Amino acid sequence: MIRIKGKVGKKGEIYIPKKIRESVGLIPGDEIEVDVDEGKLVIRKKPSALDLLKQRPLATIKVEEMREIRKRLSERLSR
């Protein structure tokens, strides 16, 4: 765990030190998720679509399988 002091501004802004932002890849415009857990703030970078695409896929599917699934869904919806 890295522990570095930050600051809270006059309007309640939370200033995260550059070293911490860089260590998690946080850049201006990124979205974050904030949780409160027993008096502690837990701040996580919300993954972008690009971050998710870079991750290892959970499953793989062949084009033929996708076409079959699409065909079955179309048949269900047309009923």
N, C-alpha and C. Protein backbone atom coordinates (compact mmCIF):
# COMPACT_ATOMS: atom_id res chain seq x y z
N MET A 1 0.85 -1.18 0.00
CA MET A 1 0.00 0.00 0.00
C MET A 1 0.89 1.24 0.00
N ILE A 2 0.50 2.21 -0.79
CA ILE A 2 1.21 3.50 -0.83
C ILE A 2 0.39 4.49 -0.01
N ARG A 3 1.03 5.23 0.85
CA ARG A 3 0.31 6.23 1.65
C ARG A 3 1.01 7.57 1.51
N ILE A 4 0.33 8.52 0.89
CA ILE A 4 0.85 9.87 0.70
C ILE A 4 -0.27 10.84 1.07
N LYS A 5 0.08 11.94 1.68
CA LYS A 5 -0.92 12.92 2.08
C LYS A 5 -1.42 13.73 0.89
N GLY A 6 -2.71 14.01 0.89
CA GLY A 6 -3.32 14.87 -0.11
C GLY A 6 -3.96 16.04 0.61
N LYS A 7 -4.80 16.79 -0.07
CA LYS A 7 -5.47 17.94 0.54
C LYS A 7 -6.91 18.02 0.08
N VAL A 8 -7.71 18.72 0.87
CA VAL A 8 -9.08 19.04 0.51
C VAL A 8 -9.13 20.56 0.34
N GLY A 9 -9.62 21.00 -0.82
CA GLY A 9 -9.69 22.42 -1.12
C GLY A 9 -10.85 23.10 -0.44
N LYS A 10 -10.93 24.43 -0.61
CA LYS A 10 -11.96 25.25 0.03
C LYS A 10 -13.38 24.85 -0.38
N LYS A 11 -13.53 24.35 -1.61
CA LYS A 11 -14.86 23.96 -2.10
C LYS A 11 -15.10 22.47 -1.95
N GLY A 12 -14.22 21.76 -1.24
CA GLY A 12 -14.40 20.33 -1.01
C GLY A 12 -13.72 19.45 -2.03
N GLU A 13 -12.94 20.05 -2.94
CA GLU A 13 -12.25 19.24 -3.94
C GLU A 13 -11.18 18.40 -3.26
N ILE A 14 -11.04 17.18 -3.71
CA ILE A 14 -10.00 16.31 -3.16
C ILE A 14 -8.84 16.32 -4.14
N TYR A 15 -7.67 16.70 -3.65
CA TYR A 15 -6.47 16.76 -4.48
C TYR A 15 -5.64 15.51 -4.24
N ILE A 16 -5.51 14.70 -5.28
CA ILE A 16 -4.75 13.46 -5.20
C ILE A 16 -3.35 13.75 -5.74
N PRO A 17 -2.31 13.44 -4.97
CA PRO A 17 -0.95 13.72 -5.43
C PRO A 17 -0.63 13.05 -6.78
N LYS A 18 0.21 13.72 -7.55
CA LYS A 18 0.58 13.26 -8.89
C LYS A 18 1.11 11.83 -8.89
N LYS A 19 1.94 11.49 -7.92
CA LYS A 19 2.53 10.15 -7.84
C LYS A 19 1.44 9.07 -7.76
N ILE A 20 0.40 9.35 -7.00
CA ILE A 20 -0.72 8.40 -6.86
C ILE A 20 -1.50 8.33 -8.17
N ARG A 21 -1.83 9.50 -8.75
CA ARG A 21 -2.58 9.51 -10.02
C ARG A 21 -1.85 8.73 -11.09
N GLU A 22 -0.55 8.93 -11.19
CA GLU A 22 0.25 8.23 -12.20
C GLU A 22 0.29 6.73 -11.92
N SER A 23 0.35 6.34 -10.66
CA SER A 23 0.46 4.90 -10.34
C SER A 23 -0.79 4.12 -10.74
N VAL A 24 -1.94 4.79 -10.81
CA VAL A 24 -3.18 4.10 -11.22
C VAL A 24 -3.64 4.51 -12.61
N GLY A 25 -2.84 5.35 -13.30
CA GLY A 25 -3.18 5.75 -14.66
C GLY A 25 -4.34 6.72 -14.73
N LEU A 26 -4.53 7.54 -13.70
CA LEU A 26 -5.63 8.49 -13.64
C LEU A 26 -5.22 9.78 -14.36
N ILE A 27 -6.02 10.16 -15.37
CA ILE A 27 -5.72 11.38 -16.13
C ILE A 27 -6.95 12.29 -16.10
N PRO A 28 -6.75 13.60 -16.36
CA PRO A 28 -7.88 14.52 -16.35
C PRO A 28 -9.01 14.03 -17.26
N GLY A 29 -10.22 14.08 -16.75
CA GLY A 29 -11.40 13.64 -17.51
C GLY A 29 -11.82 12.22 -17.20
N ASP A 30 -10.95 11.42 -16.55
CA ASP A 30 -11.33 10.06 -16.17
C ASP A 30 -12.44 10.10 -15.14
N GLU A 31 -13.31 9.11 -15.17
CA GLU A 31 -14.35 8.98 -14.15
C GLU A 31 -13.82 8.11 -13.02
N ILE A 32 -14.30 8.40 -11.82
CA ILE A 32 -13.91 7.61 -10.66
C ILE A 32 -15.16 7.10 -9.95
N GLU A 33 -14.98 6.07 -9.15
CA GLU A 33 -16.05 5.56 -8.29
C GLU A 33 -15.59 5.79 -6.86
N VAL A 34 -16.49 6.27 -6.00
CA VAL A 34 -16.13 6.56 -4.61
C VAL A 34 -17.08 5.79 -3.70
N ASP A 35 -16.50 5.03 -2.77
CA ASP A 35 -17.26 4.31 -1.76
C ASP A 35 -16.85 4.81 -0.39
N VAL A 36 -17.76 4.71 0.57
CA VAL A 36 -17.43 5.00 1.96
C VAL A 36 -17.54 3.68 2.71
N ASP A 37 -16.46 3.31 3.39
CA ASP A 37 -16.42 2.03 4.09
C ASP A 37 -15.84 2.27 5.49
N GLU A 38 -16.71 2.23 6.49
CA GLU A 38 -16.31 2.43 7.88
C GLU A 38 -15.47 3.69 8.07
N GLY A 39 -15.95 4.80 7.53
CA GLY A 39 -15.26 6.07 7.69
C GLY A 39 -14.09 6.29 6.75
N LYS A 40 -13.86 5.38 5.83
CA LYS A 40 -12.77 5.52 4.87
C LYS A 40 -13.35 5.78 3.49
N LEU A 41 -12.68 6.64 2.72
CA LEU A 41 -13.05 6.84 1.32
C LEU A 41 -12.24 5.88 0.48
N VAL A 42 -12.93 5.17 -0.39
CA VAL A 42 -12.26 4.27 -1.32
C VAL A 42 -12.53 4.82 -2.71
N ILE A 43 -11.47 5.26 -3.39
CA ILE A 43 -11.60 5.87 -4.70
C ILE A 43 -10.96 4.95 -5.72
N ARG A 44 -11.74 4.58 -6.75
CA ARG A 44 -11.25 3.71 -7.82
C ARG A 44 -11.46 4.39 -9.16
N LYS A 45 -10.51 4.19 -10.06
CA LYS A 45 -10.69 4.66 -11.43
C LYS A 45 -11.74 3.78 -12.09
N LYS A 46 -12.75 4.41 -12.67
CA LYS A 46 -13.76 3.65 -13.41
C LYS A 46 -13.15 3.29 -14.76
N PRO A 47 -13.12 2.00 -15.10
CA PRO A 47 -12.49 1.63 -16.36
C PRO A 47 -13.21 2.21 -17.57
N SER A 48 -12.43 2.69 -18.52
CA SER A 48 -13.00 3.21 -19.77
C SER A 48 -13.26 2.04 -20.71
N ALA A 49 -13.94 2.30 -21.80
CA ALA A 49 -14.19 1.25 -22.80
C ALA A 49 -12.85 0.71 -23.32
N LEU A 50 -11.88 1.59 -23.50
CA LEU A 50 -10.57 1.17 -23.99
C LEU A 50 -9.87 0.28 -22.96
N ASP A 51 -9.98 0.63 -21.67
CA ASP A 51 -9.41 -0.21 -20.61
C ASP A 51 -10.02 -1.61 -20.65
N LEU A 52 -11.33 -1.69 -20.84
CA LEU A 52 -12.02 -2.98 -20.87
C LEU A 52 -11.60 -3.81 -22.09
N LEU A 53 -11.41 -3.13 -23.23
CA LEU A 53 -11.00 -3.84 -24.44
C LEU A 53 -9.58 -4.41 -24.32
N LYS A 54 -8.75 -3.79 -23.50
CA LYS A 54 -7.38 -4.25 -23.31
C LYS A 54 -7.30 -5.48 -22.39
N GLN A 55 -8.37 -5.72 -21.63
CA GLN A 55 -8.38 -6.87 -20.72
C GLN A 55 -8.53 -8.17 -21.49
N ARG A 56 -8.11 -9.24 -20.86
CA ARG A 56 -8.27 -10.56 -21.45
C ARG A 56 -9.76 -10.89 -21.55
N PRO A 57 -10.21 -11.42 -22.68
CA PRO A 57 -11.64 -11.71 -22.84
C PRO A 57 -12.11 -12.80 -21.87
N LEU A 58 -13.36 -12.67 -21.43
CA LEU A 58 -13.95 -13.67 -20.54
C LEU A 58 -14.34 -14.92 -21.31
N ALA A 59 -14.67 -14.75 -22.57
CA ALA A 59 -15.08 -15.88 -23.40
C ALA A 59 -14.77 -15.56 -24.86
N THR A 60 -14.72 -16.59 -25.67
CA THR A 60 -14.56 -16.39 -27.11
C THR A 60 -15.71 -17.09 -27.82
N ILE A 61 -16.06 -16.57 -28.97
CA ILE A 61 -17.16 -17.15 -29.73
C ILE A 61 -16.80 -17.08 -31.21
N LYS A 62 -17.17 -18.11 -31.93
CA LYS A 62 -16.91 -18.13 -33.37
C LYS A 62 -18.00 -17.37 -34.10
N VAL A 63 -17.67 -16.89 -35.29
CA VAL A 63 -18.63 -16.14 -36.10
C VAL A 63 -19.87 -16.97 -36.37
N GLU A 64 -19.68 -18.25 -36.66
CA GLU A 64 -20.83 -19.12 -36.95
C GLU A 64 -21.75 -19.25 -35.73
N GLU A 65 -21.16 -19.34 -34.55
CA GLU A 65 -21.97 -19.43 -33.32
C GLU A 65 -22.77 -18.15 -33.12
N MET A 66 -22.13 -17.01 -33.38
CA MET A 66 -22.82 -15.74 -33.22
C MET A 66 -23.97 -15.61 -34.21
N ARG A 67 -23.76 -16.05 -35.42
CA ARG A 67 -24.84 -16.01 -36.42
C ARG A 67 -26.02 -16.86 -36.00
N GLU A 68 -25.75 -18.04 -35.45
CA GLU A 68 -26.82 -18.93 -34.98
C GLU A 68 -27.59 -18.30 -33.83
N ILE A 69 -26.88 -17.71 -32.89
CA ILE A 69 -27.54 -17.03 -31.76
C ILE A 69 -28.41 -15.89 -32.26
N ARG A 70 -27.86 -15.10 -33.19
CA ARG A 70 -28.61 -13.97 -33.76
C ARG A 70 -29.86 -14.45 -34.48
N LYS A 71 -29.75 -15.55 -35.22
CA LYS A 71 -30.89 -16.12 -35.95
C LYS A 71 -31.99 -16.53 -34.97
N ARG A 72 -31.59 -17.23 -33.88
CA ARG A 72 -32.59 -17.67 -32.89
C ARG A 72 -33.27 -16.48 -32.21
N LEU A 73 -32.51 -15.46 -31.90
CA LEU A 73 -33.09 -14.26 -31.27
C LEU A 73 -34.06 -13.56 -32.22
N SER A 74 -33.69 -13.48 -33.49
CA SER A 74 -34.58 -12.84 -34.48
C SER A 74 -35.89 -13.61 -34.60
N GLU A 75 -35.79 -14.95 -34.57
CA GLU A 75 -37.00 -15.78 -34.66
C GLU A 75 -37.88 -15.55 -33.43
N ARG A 76 -37.29 -15.47 -32.28
CA ARG A 76 -38.07 -15.23 -31.05
C ARG A 76 -38.76 -13.88 -31.08
N LEU A 77 -38.05 -12.86 -31.55
CA LEU A 77 -38.60 -11.52 -31.56
C LEU A 77 -39.69 -11.34 -32.62
N SER A 78 -39.65 -12.11 -33.67
CA SER A 78 -40.64 -11.98 -34.74
C SER A 78 -41.97 -12.69 -34.41
N ARG A 79 -41.98 -13.48 -33.35
CA ARG A 79 -43.21 -14.20 -32.97
C ARG A 79 -44.25 -13.29 -32.38
